[in-house]
Amino acid sequence: MLRIGLAQVNPRVGALEDNYKIIISFIEEARKKDVELLIFPELALTGYPPEDLLLKNHFIDKNIRIINRLKSRCREIGVLIGFVNKKDNHIYNSCALIHQKKIKDIY
């Protein structure tokens, strides 16, 4: 049986570092409860709705760097988390599946 956790977070729009800390605390708590897959809401990293922040390349790039930092905290626990991804000069409301210190997939 798979133990799934739902992280009911209320991230602040644009507060990437603060939101990262909140996300890490939820991951640590879920790990203590033997959760195998922790699911965060849409745009949990950036806050919702990010509106004009999506026009700032440095904001998008920082959010992607933080998603990559998050990999090291996802060893034995899978994390499904919403963020803003950039590909071919387009941005997307995306979801990353992170497990075993790797981004396994992005939707």
PDB file of N, CA and C in Angstrom:
ATOM      1  N   MET A   1       0.834  -1.166   0.000  1.00  0.00           N
ATOM      2  CA  MET A   1       0.000   0.000   0.000  1.00  0.00           C
ATOM      3  C   MET A   1       0.889   1.243   0.000  1.00  0.00           C
ATOM      4  N   LEU A   2       0.503   2.241  -0.770  1.00  0.00           N
ATOM      5  CA  LEU A   2       1.249   3.492  -0.894  1.00  0.00           C
ATOM      6  C   LEU A   2       0.670   4.527   0.063  1.00  0.00           C
ATOM      7  N   ARG A   3       1.522   5.108   0.892  1.00  0.00           N
ATOM      8  CA  ARG A   3       1.076   6.156   1.819  1.00  0.00           C
ATOM      9  C   ARG A   3       1.285   7.512   1.146  1.00  0.00           C
ATOM     10  N   ILE A   4       0.182   8.231   0.912  1.00  0.00           N
ATOM     11  CA  ILE A   4       0.195   9.520   0.224  1.00  0.00           C
ATOM     12  C   ILE A   4      -0.139  10.625   1.218  1.00  0.00           C
ATOM     13  N   GLY A   5       0.590  11.722   1.122  1.00  0.00           N
ATOM     14  CA  GLY A   5       0.323  12.896   1.950  1.00  0.00           C
ATOM     15  C   GLY A   5      -0.046  14.077   1.080  1.00  0.00           C
ATOM     16  N   LEU A   6      -1.000  14.870   1.537  1.00  0.00           N
ATOM     17  CA  LEU A   6      -1.401  16.091   0.843  1.00  0.00           C
ATOM     18  C   LEU A   6      -0.941  17.284   1.670  1.00  0.00           C
ATOM     19  N   ALA A   7      -0.095  18.105   1.090  1.00  0.00           N
ATOM     20  CA  ALA A   7       0.448  19.264   1.801  1.00  0.00           C
ATOM     21  C   ALA A   7      -0.461  20.465   1.566  1.00  0.00           C
ATOM     22  N   GLN A   8      -1.185  20.855   2.584  1.00  0.00           N
ATOM     23  CA  GLN A   8      -2.080  22.002   2.480  1.00  0.00           C
ATOM     24  C   GLN A   8      -1.314  23.249   2.900  1.00  0.00           C
ATOM     25  N   VAL A   9      -0.603  23.805   1.944  1.00  0.00           N
ATOM     26  CA  VAL A   9       0.222  24.987   2.203  1.00  0.00           C
ATOM     27  C   VAL A   9      -0.476  26.228   1.666  1.00  0.00           C
ATOM     28  N   ASN A  10      -0.099  27.368   2.211  1.00  0.00           N
ATOM     29  CA  ASN A  10      -0.605  28.644   1.735  1.00  0.00           C
ATOM     30  C   ASN A  10       0.609  29.514   1.408  1.00  0.00           C
ATOM     31  N   PRO A  11       1.247  29.263   0.254  1.00  0.00           N
ATOM     32  CA  PRO A  11       2.468  29.995  -0.074  1.00  0.00           C
ATOM     33  C   PRO A  11       2.175  31.464  -0.375  1.00  0.00           C
ATOM     34  N   ARG A  12       3.164  32.311  -0.067  1.00  0.00           N
ATOM     35  CA  ARG A  12       3.050  33.736  -0.391  1.00  0.00           C
ATOM     36  C   ARG A  12       3.503  33.956  -1.822  1.00  0.00           C
ATOM     37  N   VAL A  13       2.739  34.715  -2.563  1.00  0.00           N
ATOM     38  CA  VAL A  13       3.071  35.012  -3.956  1.00  0.00           C
ATOM     39  C   VAL A  13       4.421  35.728  -4.013  1.00  0.00           C
ATOM     40  N   GLY A  14       5.338  35.157  -4.792  1.00  0.00           N
ATOM     41  CA  GLY A  14       6.641  35.763  -5.022  1.00  0.00           C
ATOM     42  C   GLY A  14       7.695  35.485  -3.969  1.00  0.00           C
ATOM     43  N   ALA A  15       7.331  34.901  -2.850  1.00  0.00           N
ATOM     44  CA  ALA A  15       8.279  34.664  -1.749  1.00  0.00           C
ATOM     45  C   ALA A  15       8.926  33.293  -1.918  1.00  0.00           C
ATOM     46  N   LEU A  16       9.744  33.146  -2.943  1.00  0.00           N
ATOM     47  CA  LEU A  16      10.295  31.841  -3.305  1.00  0.00           C
ATOM     48  C   LEU A  16      11.083  31.188  -2.173  1.00  0.00           C
ATOM     49  N   GLU A  17      11.973  31.927  -1.536  1.00  0.00           N
ATOM     50  CA  GLU A  17      12.797  31.341  -0.468  1.00  0.00           C
ATOM     51  C   GLU A  17      11.948  30.951   0.741  1.00  0.00           C
ATOM     52  N   ASP A  18      11.014  31.807   1.117  1.00  0.00           N
ATOM     53  CA  ASP A  18      10.128  31.477   2.241  1.00  0.00           C
ATOM     54  C   ASP A  18       9.279  30.254   1.916  1.00  0.00           C
ATOM     55  N   ASN A  19       8.761  30.212   0.702  1.00  0.00           N
ATOM     56  CA  ASN A  19       7.945  29.067   0.289  1.00  0.00           C
ATOM     57  C   ASN A  19       8.780  27.790   0.261  1.00  0.00           C
ATOM     58  N   TYR A  20      10.034  27.904  -0.176  1.00  0.00           N
ATOM     59  CA  TYR A  20      10.943  26.755  -0.178  1.00  0.00           C
ATOM     60  C   TYR A  20      11.102  26.198   1.241  1.00  0.00           C
ATOM     61  N   LYS A  21      11.283  27.087   2.208  1.00  0.00           N
ATOM     62  CA  LYS A  21      11.442  26.651   3.602  1.00  0.00           C
ATOM     63  C   LYS A  21      10.185  25.943   4.106  1.00  0.00           C
ATOM     64  N   ILE A  22       9.029  26.459   3.740  1.00  0.00           N
ATOM     65  CA  ILE A  22       7.764  25.822   4.129  1.00  0.00           C
ATOM     66  C   ILE A  22       7.665  24.434   3.502  1.00  0.00           C
ATOM     67  N   ILE A  23       8.012  24.342   2.232  1.00  0.00           N
ATOM     68  CA  ILE A  23       7.962  23.066   1.510  1.00  0.00           C
ATOM     69  C   ILE A  23       8.890  22.047   2.171  1.00  0.00           C
ATOM     70  N   ILE A  24      10.110  22.477   2.510  1.00  0.00           N
ATOM     71  CA  ILE A  24      11.069  21.584   3.169  1.00  0.00           C
ATOM     72  C   ILE A  24      10.513  21.098   4.502  1.00  0.00           C
ATOM     73  N   SER A  25       9.877  21.982   5.259  1.00  0.00           N
ATOM     74  CA  SER A  25       9.332  21.561   6.556  1.00  0.00           C
ATOM     75  C   SER A  25       8.226  20.527   6.376  1.00  0.00           C
ATOM     76  N   PHE A  26       7.418  20.663   5.327  1.00  0.00           N
ATOM     77  CA  PHE A  26       6.384  19.666   5.050  1.00  0.00           C
ATOM     78  C   PHE A  26       7.012  18.335   4.635  1.00  0.00           C
ATOM     79  N   ILE A  27       8.080  18.390   3.856  1.00  0.00           N
ATOM     80  CA  ILE A  27       8.767  17.160   3.444  1.00  0.00           C
ATOM     81  C   ILE A  27       9.342  16.448   4.669  1.00  0.00           C
ATOM     82  N   GLU A  28       9.979  17.190   5.556  1.00  0.00           N
ATOM     83  CA  GLU A  28      10.558  16.591   6.764  1.00  0.00           C
ATOM     84  C   GLU A  28       9.477  15.962   7.642  1.00  0.00           C
ATOM     85  N   GLU A  29       8.360  16.649   7.802  1.00  0.00           N
ATOM     86  CA  GLU A  29       7.258  16.116   8.610  1.00  0.00           C
ATOM     87  C   GLU A  29       6.675  14.858   7.965  1.00  0.00           C
ATOM     88  N   ALA A  30       6.514  14.882   6.646  1.00  0.00           N
ATOM     89  CA  ALA A  30       5.978  13.714   5.932  1.00  0.00           C
ATOM     90  C   ALA A  30       6.924  12.524   6.057  1.00  0.00           C
ATOM     91  N   ARG A  31       8.216  12.789   6.009  1.00  0.00           N
ATOM     92  CA  ARG A  31       9.210  11.716   6.147  1.00  0.00           C
ATOM     93  C   ARG A  31       9.062  11.029   7.503  1.00  0.00           C
ATOM     94  N   LYS A  32       8.834  11.812   8.551  1.00  0.00           N
ATOM     95  CA  LYS A  32       8.655  11.250   9.900  1.00  0.00           C
ATOM     96  C   LYS A  32       7.410  10.373   9.986  1.00  0.00           C
ATOM     97  N   LYS A  33       6.439  10.636   9.127  1.00  0.00           N
ATOM     98  CA  LYS A  33       5.179   9.885   9.144  1.00  0.00           C
ATOM     99  C   LYS A  33       5.164   8.772   8.093  1.00  0.00           C
ATOM    100  N   ASP A  34       6.338   8.473   7.538  1.00  0.00           N
ATOM    101  CA  ASP A  34       6.492   7.405   6.545  1.00  0.00           C
ATOM    102  C   ASP A  34       5.647   7.611   5.293  1.00  0.00           C
ATOM    103  N   VAL A  35       5.446   8.876   4.916  1.00  0.00           N
ATOM    104  CA  VAL A  35       4.743   9.183   3.665  1.00  0.00           C
ATOM    105  C   VAL A  35       5.681   8.834   2.515  1.00  0.00           C
ATOM    106  N   GLU A  36       5.145   8.198   1.483  1.00  0.00           N
ATOM    107  CA  GLU A  36       5.953   7.808   0.326  1.00  0.00           C
ATOM    108  C   GLU A  36       5.823   8.787  -0.835  1.00  0.00           C
ATOM    109  N   LEU A  37       4.671   9.453  -0.934  1.00  0.00           N
ATOM    110  CA  LEU A  37       4.441  10.451  -1.977  1.00  0.00           C
ATOM    111  C   LEU A  37       3.729  11.637  -1.342  1.00  0.00           C
ATOM    112  N   LEU A  38       4.371  12.805  -1.405  1.00  0.00           N
ATOM    113  CA  LEU A  38       3.805  14.031  -0.845  1.00  0.00           C
ATOM    114  C   LEU A  38       3.399  14.940  -1.998  1.00  0.00           C
ATOM    115  N   ILE A  39       2.142  15.348  -2.000  1.00  0.00           N
ATOM    116  CA  ILE A  39       1.597  16.141  -3.100  1.00  0.00           C
ATOM    117  C   ILE A  39       1.329  17.567  -2.630  1.00  0.00           C
ATOM    118  N   PHE A  40       1.920  18.520  -3.353  1.00  0.00           N
ATOM    119  CA  PHE A  40       1.720  19.943  -3.092  1.00  0.00           C
ATOM    120  C   PHE A  40       0.757  20.518  -4.130  1.00  0.00           C
ATOM    121  N   PRO A  41       0.135  21.656  -3.823  1.00  0.00           N
ATOM    122  CA  PRO A  41      -0.824  22.243  -4.760  1.00  0.00           C
ATOM    123  C   PRO A  41      -0.170  22.948  -5.949  1.00  0.00           C
ATOM    124  N   GLU A  42      -1.032  23.365  -6.848  1.00  0.00           N
ATOM    125  CA  GLU A  42      -0.633  24.133  -8.025  1.00  0.00           C
ATOM    126  C   GLU A  42       0.184  25.355  -7.599  1.00  0.00           C
ATOM    127  N   LEU A  43       1.312  25.556  -8.257  1.00  0.00           N
ATOM    128  CA  LEU A  43       2.194  26.699  -8.031  1.00  0.00           C
ATOM    129  C   LEU A  43       2.560  26.899  -6.558  1.00  0.00           C
ATOM    130  N   ALA A  44       2.806  25.802  -5.879  1.00  0.00           N
ATOM    131  CA  ALA A  44       3.166  25.866  -4.457  1.00  0.00           C
ATOM    132  C   ALA A  44       4.462  26.638  -4.229  1.00  0.00           C
ATOM    133  N   LEU A  45       5.369  26.585  -5.170  1.00  0.00           N
ATOM    134  CA  LEU A  45       6.642  27.274  -4.992  1.00  0.00           C
ATOM    135  C   LEU A  45       6.506  28.781  -5.196  1.00  0.00           C
ATOM    136  N   THR A  46       5.782  29.197  -6.207  1.00  0.00           N
ATOM    137  CA  THR A  46       5.694  30.622  -6.545  1.00  0.00           C
ATOM    138  C   THR A  46       4.600  31.359  -5.798  1.00  0.00           C
ATOM    139  N   GLY A  47       3.619  30.617  -5.296  1.00  0.00           N
ATOM    140  CA  GLY A  47       2.410  31.251  -4.785  1.00  0.00           C
ATOM    141  C   GLY A  47       1.449  31.462  -5.946  1.00  0.00           C
ATOM    142  N   TYR A  48       0.169  31.601  -5.611  1.00  0.00           N
ATOM    143  CA  TYR A  48      -0.842  31.680  -6.670  1.00  0.00           C
ATOM    144  C   TYR A  48      -1.760  32.863  -6.435  1.00  0.00           C
ATOM    145  N   PRO A  49      -1.979  33.677  -7.431  1.00  0.00           N
ATOM    146  CA  PRO A  49      -1.434  33.694  -8.788  1.00  0.00           C
ATOM    147  C   PRO A  49      -0.197  34.595  -8.870  1.00  0.00           C
ATOM    148  N   PRO A  50       0.828  34.178  -9.596  1.00  0.00           N
ATOM    149  CA  PRO A  50       2.046  34.975  -9.676  1.00  0.00           C
ATOM    150  C   PRO A  50       1.930  36.205 -10.581  1.00  0.00           C
ATOM    151  N   GLU A  51       0.897  36.292 -11.382  1.00  0.00           N
ATOM    152  CA  GLU A  51       0.567  37.434 -12.242  1.00  0.00           C
ATOM    153  C   GLU A  51       1.785  38.027 -12.941  1.00  0.00           C
ATOM    154  N   ASP A  52       2.090  39.319 -12.709  1.00  0.00           N
ATOM    155  CA  ASP A  52       3.155  39.994 -13.454  1.00  0.00           C
ATOM    156  C   ASP A  52       4.553  39.487 -13.126  1.00  0.00           C
ATOM    157  N   LEU A  53       4.712  38.723 -12.060  1.00  0.00           N
ATOM    158  CA  LEU A  53       6.019  38.126 -11.774  1.00  0.00           C
ATOM    159  C   LEU A  53       6.443  37.186 -12.902  1.00  0.00           C
ATOM    160  N   LEU A  54       5.470  36.666 -13.626  1.00  0.00           N
ATOM    161  CA  LEU A  54       5.774  35.764 -14.739  1.00  0.00           C
ATOM    162  C   LEU A  54       6.441  36.490 -15.904  1.00  0.00           C
ATOM    163  N   LEU A  55       6.438  37.811 -15.870  1.00  0.00           N
ATOM    164  CA  LEU A  55       7.096  38.601 -16.913  1.00  0.00           C
ATOM    165  C   LEU A  55       8.567  38.855 -16.590  1.00  0.00           C
ATOM    166  N   LYS A  56       9.004  38.437 -15.419  1.00  0.00           N
ATOM    167  CA  LYS A  56      10.379  38.693 -14.971  1.00  0.00           C
ATOM    168  C   LYS A  56      11.206  37.411 -15.090  1.00  0.00           C
ATOM    169  N   ASN A  57      12.165  37.447 -16.012  1.00  0.00           N
ATOM    170  CA  ASN A  57      13.001  36.262 -16.241  1.00  0.00           C
ATOM    171  C   ASN A  57      13.724  35.809 -14.982  1.00  0.00           C
ATOM    172  N   HIS A  58      14.204  36.758 -14.170  1.00  0.00           N
ATOM    173  CA  HIS A  58      14.950  36.365 -12.961  1.00  0.00           C
ATOM    174  C   HIS A  58      14.054  35.599 -11.989  1.00  0.00           C
ATOM    175  N   PHE A  59      12.779  35.929 -11.939  1.00  0.00           N
ATOM    176  CA  PHE A  59      11.843  35.211 -11.068  1.00  0.00           C
ATOM    177  C   PHE A  59      11.644  33.776 -11.560  1.00  0.00           C
ATOM    178  N   ILE A  60      11.433  33.632 -12.859  1.00  0.00           N
ATOM    179  CA  ILE A  60      11.240  32.297 -13.450  1.00  0.00           C
ATOM    180  C   ILE A  60      12.496  31.453 -13.243  1.00  0.00           C
ATOM    181  N   ASP A  61      13.652  32.044 -13.532  1.00  0.00           N
ATOM    182  CA  ASP A  61      14.911  31.305 -13.397  1.00  0.00           C
ATOM    183  C   ASP A  61      15.176  30.894 -11.947  1.00  0.00           C
ATOM    184  N   LYS A  62      14.880  31.778 -11.007  1.00  0.00           N
ATOM    185  CA  LYS A  62      15.100  31.445  -9.595  1.00  0.00           C
ATOM    186  C   LYS A  62      14.176  30.317  -9.155  1.00  0.00           C
ATOM    187  N   ASN A  63      12.937  30.337  -9.604  1.00  0.00           N
ATOM    188  CA  ASN A  63      11.996  29.275  -9.241  1.00  0.00           C
ATOM    189  C   ASN A  63      12.481  27.930  -9.782  1.00  0.00           C
ATOM    190  N   ILE A  64      13.077  27.914 -10.961  1.00  0.00           N
ATOM    191  CA  ILE A  64      13.623  26.674 -11.531  1.00  0.00           C
ATOM    192  C   ILE A  64      14.857  26.224 -10.739  1.00  0.00           C
ATOM    193  N   ARG A  65      15.704  27.172 -10.339  1.00  0.00           N
ATOM    194  CA  ARG A  65      16.879  26.821  -9.514  1.00  0.00           C
ATOM    195  C   ARG A  65      16.445  26.204  -8.184  1.00  0.00           C
ATOM    196  N   ILE A  66      15.393  26.743  -7.597  1.00  0.00           N
ATOM    197  CA  ILE A  66      14.916  26.212  -6.318  1.00  0.00           C
ATOM    198  C   ILE A  66      14.344  24.811  -6.498  1.00  0.00           C
ATOM    199  N   ILE A  67      13.636  24.567  -7.588  1.00  0.00           N
ATOM    200  CA  ILE A  67      13.136  23.207  -7.855  1.00  0.00           C
ATOM    201  C   ILE A  67      14.321  22.246  -7.938  1.00  0.00           C
ATOM    202  N   ASN A  68      15.394  22.674  -8.570  1.00  0.00           N
ATOM    203  CA  ASN A  68      16.584  21.820  -8.657  1.00  0.00           C
ATOM    204  C   ASN A  68      17.246  21.630  -7.291  1.00  0.00           C
ATOM    205  N   ARG A  69      17.215  22.644  -6.440  1.00  0.00           N
ATOM    206  CA  ARG A  69      17.728  22.505  -5.068  1.00  0.00           C
ATOM    207  C   ARG A  69      16.902  21.515  -4.270  1.00  0.00           C
ATOM    208  N   LEU A  70      15.635  21.493  -4.548  1.00  0.00           N
ATOM    209  CA  LEU A  70      14.710  20.623  -3.822  1.00  0.00           C
ATOM    210  C   LEU A  70      15.039  19.141  -4.032  1.00  0.00           C
ATOM    211  N   LYS A  71      15.676  18.817  -5.152  1.00  0.00           N
ATOM    212  CA  LYS A  71      15.995  17.412  -5.464  1.00  0.00           C
ATOM    213  C   LYS A  71      16.761  16.731  -4.337  1.00  0.00           C
ATOM    214  N   SER A  72      17.708  17.444  -3.755  1.00  0.00           N
ATOM    215  CA  SER A  72      18.549  16.826  -2.724  1.00  0.00           C
ATOM    216  C   SER A  72      17.767  16.475  -1.463  1.00  0.00           C
ATOM    217  N   ARG A  73      16.586  17.069  -1.279  1.00  0.00           N
ATOM    218  CA  ARG A  73      15.773  16.809  -0.091  1.00  0.00           C
ATOM    219  C   ARG A  73      14.770  15.683  -0.321  1.00  0.00           C
ATOM    220  N   CYS A  74      14.736  15.161  -1.527  1.00  0.00           N
ATOM    221  CA  CYS A  74      13.747  14.126  -1.889  1.00  0.00           C
ATOM    222  C   CYS A  74      14.464  12.818  -2.165  1.00  0.00           C
ATOM    223  N   ARG A  75      14.943  12.194  -1.105  1.00  0.00           N
ATOM    224  CA  ARG A  75      15.666  10.932  -1.255  1.00  0.00           C
ATOM    225  C   ARG A  75      14.678   9.776  -1.292  1.00  0.00           C
ATOM    226  N   GLU A  76      14.165   9.424  -0.133  1.00  0.00           N
ATOM    227  CA  GLU A  76      13.275   8.263  -0.046  1.00  0.00           C
ATOM    228  C   GLU A  76      11.805   8.633  -0.146  1.00  0.00           C
ATOM    229  N   ILE A  77      11.509   9.900  -0.359  1.00  0.00           N
ATOM    230  CA  ILE A  77      10.121  10.347  -0.474  1.00  0.00           C
ATOM    231  C   ILE A  77       9.915  10.972  -1.854  1.00  0.00           C
ATOM    232  N   GLY A  78       8.807  10.630  -2.489  1.00  0.00           N
ATOM    233  CA  GLY A  78       8.448  11.256  -3.756  1.00  0.00           C
ATOM    234  C   GLY A  78       7.687  12.541  -3.483  1.00  0.00           C
ATOM    235  N   VAL A  79       7.959  13.561  -4.279  1.00  0.00           N
ATOM    236  CA  VAL A  79       7.288  14.852  -4.117  1.00  0.00           C
ATOM    237  C   VAL A  79       6.739  15.286  -5.466  1.00  0.00           C
ATOM    238  N   LEU A  80       5.480  15.653  -5.463  1.00  0.00           N
ATOM    239  CA  LEU A  80       4.806  16.205  -6.638  1.00  0.00           C
ATOM    240  C   LEU A  80       4.524  17.659  -6.306  1.00  0.00           C
ATOM    241  N   ILE A  81       5.139  18.587  -7.064  1.00  0.00           N
ATOM    242  CA  ILE A  81       5.060  20.003  -6.685  1.00  0.00           C
ATOM    243  C   ILE A  81       4.853  20.908  -7.894  1.00  0.00           C
ATOM    244  N   GLY A  82       4.005  21.915  -7.702  1.00  0.00           N
ATOM    245  CA  GLY A  82       3.713  22.872  -8.759  1.00  0.00           C
ATOM    246  C   GLY A  82       4.719  24.008  -8.787  1.00  0.00           C
ATOM    247  N   PHE A  83       5.130  24.387 -10.004  1.00  0.00           N
ATOM    248  CA  PHE A  83       6.076  25.486 -10.208  1.00  0.00           C
ATOM    249  C   PHE A  83       5.884  26.028 -11.618  1.00  0.00           C
ATOM    250  N   VAL A  84       6.668  27.039 -11.987  1.00  0.00           N
ATOM    251  CA  VAL A  84       6.617  27.600 -13.333  1.00  0.00           C
ATOM    252  C   VAL A  84       7.842  27.105 -14.085  1.00  0.00           C
ATOM    253  N   ASN A  85       7.612  26.442 -15.207  1.00  0.00           N
ATOM    254  CA  ASN A  85       8.711  25.923 -16.012  1.00  0.00           C
ATOM    255  C   ASN A  85       8.861  26.770 -17.267  1.00  0.00           C
ATOM    256  N   LYS A  86      10.070  26.767 -17.816  1.00  0.00           N
ATOM    257  CA  LYS A  86      10.343  27.514 -19.046  1.00  0.00           C
ATOM    258  C   LYS A  86      10.971  26.565 -20.052  1.00  0.00           C
ATOM    259  N   LYS A  87      10.437  26.593 -21.268  1.00  0.00           N
ATOM    260  CA  LYS A  87      10.978  25.757 -22.336  1.00  0.00           C
ATOM    261  C   LYS A  87      10.748  26.471 -23.660  1.00  0.00           C
ATOM    262  N   ASP A  88      11.804  26.601 -24.446  1.00  0.00           N
ATOM    263  CA  ASP A  88      11.720  27.255 -25.754  1.00  0.00           C
ATOM    264  C   ASP A  88      11.083  28.641 -25.658  1.00  0.00           C
ATOM    265  N   ASN A  89      11.525  29.418 -24.675  1.00  0.00           N
ATOM    266  CA  ASN A  89      11.039  30.787 -24.448  1.00  0.00           C
ATOM    267  C   ASN A  89       9.552  30.886 -24.151  1.00  0.00           C
ATOM    268  N   HIS A  90       8.953  29.809 -23.701  1.00  0.00           N
ATOM    269  CA  HIS A  90       7.561  29.819 -23.246  1.00  0.00           C
ATOM    270  C   HIS A  90       7.551  29.381 -21.785  1.00  0.00           C
ATOM    271  N   ILE A  91       6.578  29.886 -21.039  1.00  0.00           N
ATOM    272  CA  ILE A  91       6.453  29.465 -19.648  1.00  0.00           C
ATOM    273  C   ILE A  91       5.195  28.625 -19.488  1.00  0.00           C
ATOM    274  N   TYR A  92       5.278  27.700 -18.525  1.00  0.00           N
ATOM    275  CA  TYR A  92       4.192  26.745 -18.320  1.00  0.00           C
ATOM    276  C   TYR A  92       3.902  26.577 -16.832  1.00  0.00           C
ATOM    277  N   ASN A  93       2.638  26.481 -16.515  1.00  0.00           N
ATOM    278  CA  ASN A  93       2.190  26.105 -15.180  1.00  0.00           C
ATOM    279  C   ASN A  93       2.440  24.601 -15.102  1.00  0.00           C
ATOM    280  N   SER A  94       3.458  24.201 -14.361  1.00  0.00           N
ATOM    281  CA  SER A  94       3.952  22.825 -14.421  1.00  0.00           C
ATOM    282  C   SER A  94       3.915  22.134 -13.070  1.00  0.00           C
ATOM    283  N   CYS A  95       4.139  20.835 -13.149  1.00  0.00           N
ATOM    284  CA  CYS A  95       4.206  20.001 -11.959  1.00  0.00           C
ATOM    285  C   CYS A  95       5.411  19.074 -12.123  1.00  0.00           C
ATOM    286  N   ALA A  96       6.270  19.037 -11.107  1.00  0.00           N
ATOM    287  CA  ALA A  96       7.450  18.171 -11.149  1.00  0.00           C
ATOM    288  C   ALA A  96       7.260  16.999 -10.198  1.00  0.00           C
ATOM    289  N   LEU A  97       7.646  15.826 -10.665  1.00  0.00           N
ATOM    290  CA  LEU A  97       7.711  14.646  -9.816  1.00  0.00           C
ATOM    291  C   LEU A  97       9.180  14.435  -9.471  1.00  0.00           C
ATOM    292  N   ILE A  98       9.504  14.574  -8.188  1.00  0.00           N
ATOM    293  CA  ILE A  98      10.882  14.453  -7.720  1.00  0.00           C
ATOM    294  C   ILE A  98      10.975  13.243  -6.801  1.00  0.00           C
ATOM    295  N   HIS A  99      11.983  12.392  -7.064  1.00  0.00           N
ATOM    296  CA  HIS A  99      12.189  11.200  -6.235  1.00  0.00           C
ATOM    297  C   HIS A  99      13.625  10.735  -6.399  1.00  0.00           C
ATOM    298  N   GLN A 100      14.193  10.210  -5.351  1.00  0.00           N
ATOM    299  CA  GLN A 100      15.562   9.701  -5.344  1.00  0.00           C
ATOM    300  C   GLN A 100      16.554  10.746  -5.863  1.00  0.00           C
ATOM    301  N   LYS A 101      16.345  11.989  -5.409  1.00  0.00           N
ATOM    302  CA  LYS A 101      17.212  13.125  -5.738  1.00  0.00           C
ATOM    303  C   LYS A 101      17.220  13.481  -7.221  1.00  0.00           C
ATOM    304  N   LYS A 102      16.171  13.101  -7.945  1.00  0.00           N
ATOM    305  CA  LYS A 102      16.082  13.400  -9.378  1.00  0.00           C
ATOM    306  C   LYS A 102      14.691  13.897  -9.731  1.00  0.00           C
ATOM    307  N   ILE A 103      14.640  14.772 -10.723  1.00  0.00           N
ATOM    308  CA  ILE A 103      13.347  15.130 -11.296  1.00  0.00           C
ATOM    309  C   ILE A 103      13.012  14.016 -12.277  1.00  0.00           C
ATOM    310  N   LYS A 104      12.015  13.227 -11.923  1.00  0.00           N
ATOM    311  CA  LYS A 104      11.644  12.066 -12.732  1.00  0.00           C
ATOM    312  C   LYS A 104      10.812  12.467 -13.943  1.00  0.00           C
ATOM    313  N   ASP A 105       9.974  13.495 -13.772  1.00  0.00           N
ATOM    314  CA  ASP A 105       9.127  13.936 -14.876  1.00  0.00           C
ATOM    315  C   ASP A 105       8.589  15.325 -14.569  1.00  0.00           C
ATOM    316  N   ILE A 106       8.248  16.046 -15.622  1.00  0.00           N
ATOM    317  CA  ILE A 106       7.600  17.355 -15.505  1.00  0.00           C
ATOM    318  C   ILE A 106       6.398  17.343 -16.424  1.00  0.00           C
ATOM    319  N   TYR A 107       5.274  17.745 -15.864  1.00  0.00           N
ATOM    320  CA  TYR A 107       4.052  17.824 -16.660  1.00  0.00           C
ATOM    321  C   TYR A 107       3.697  19.277 -16.841  1.00  0.00           C
TER     322      TYR A 107
END
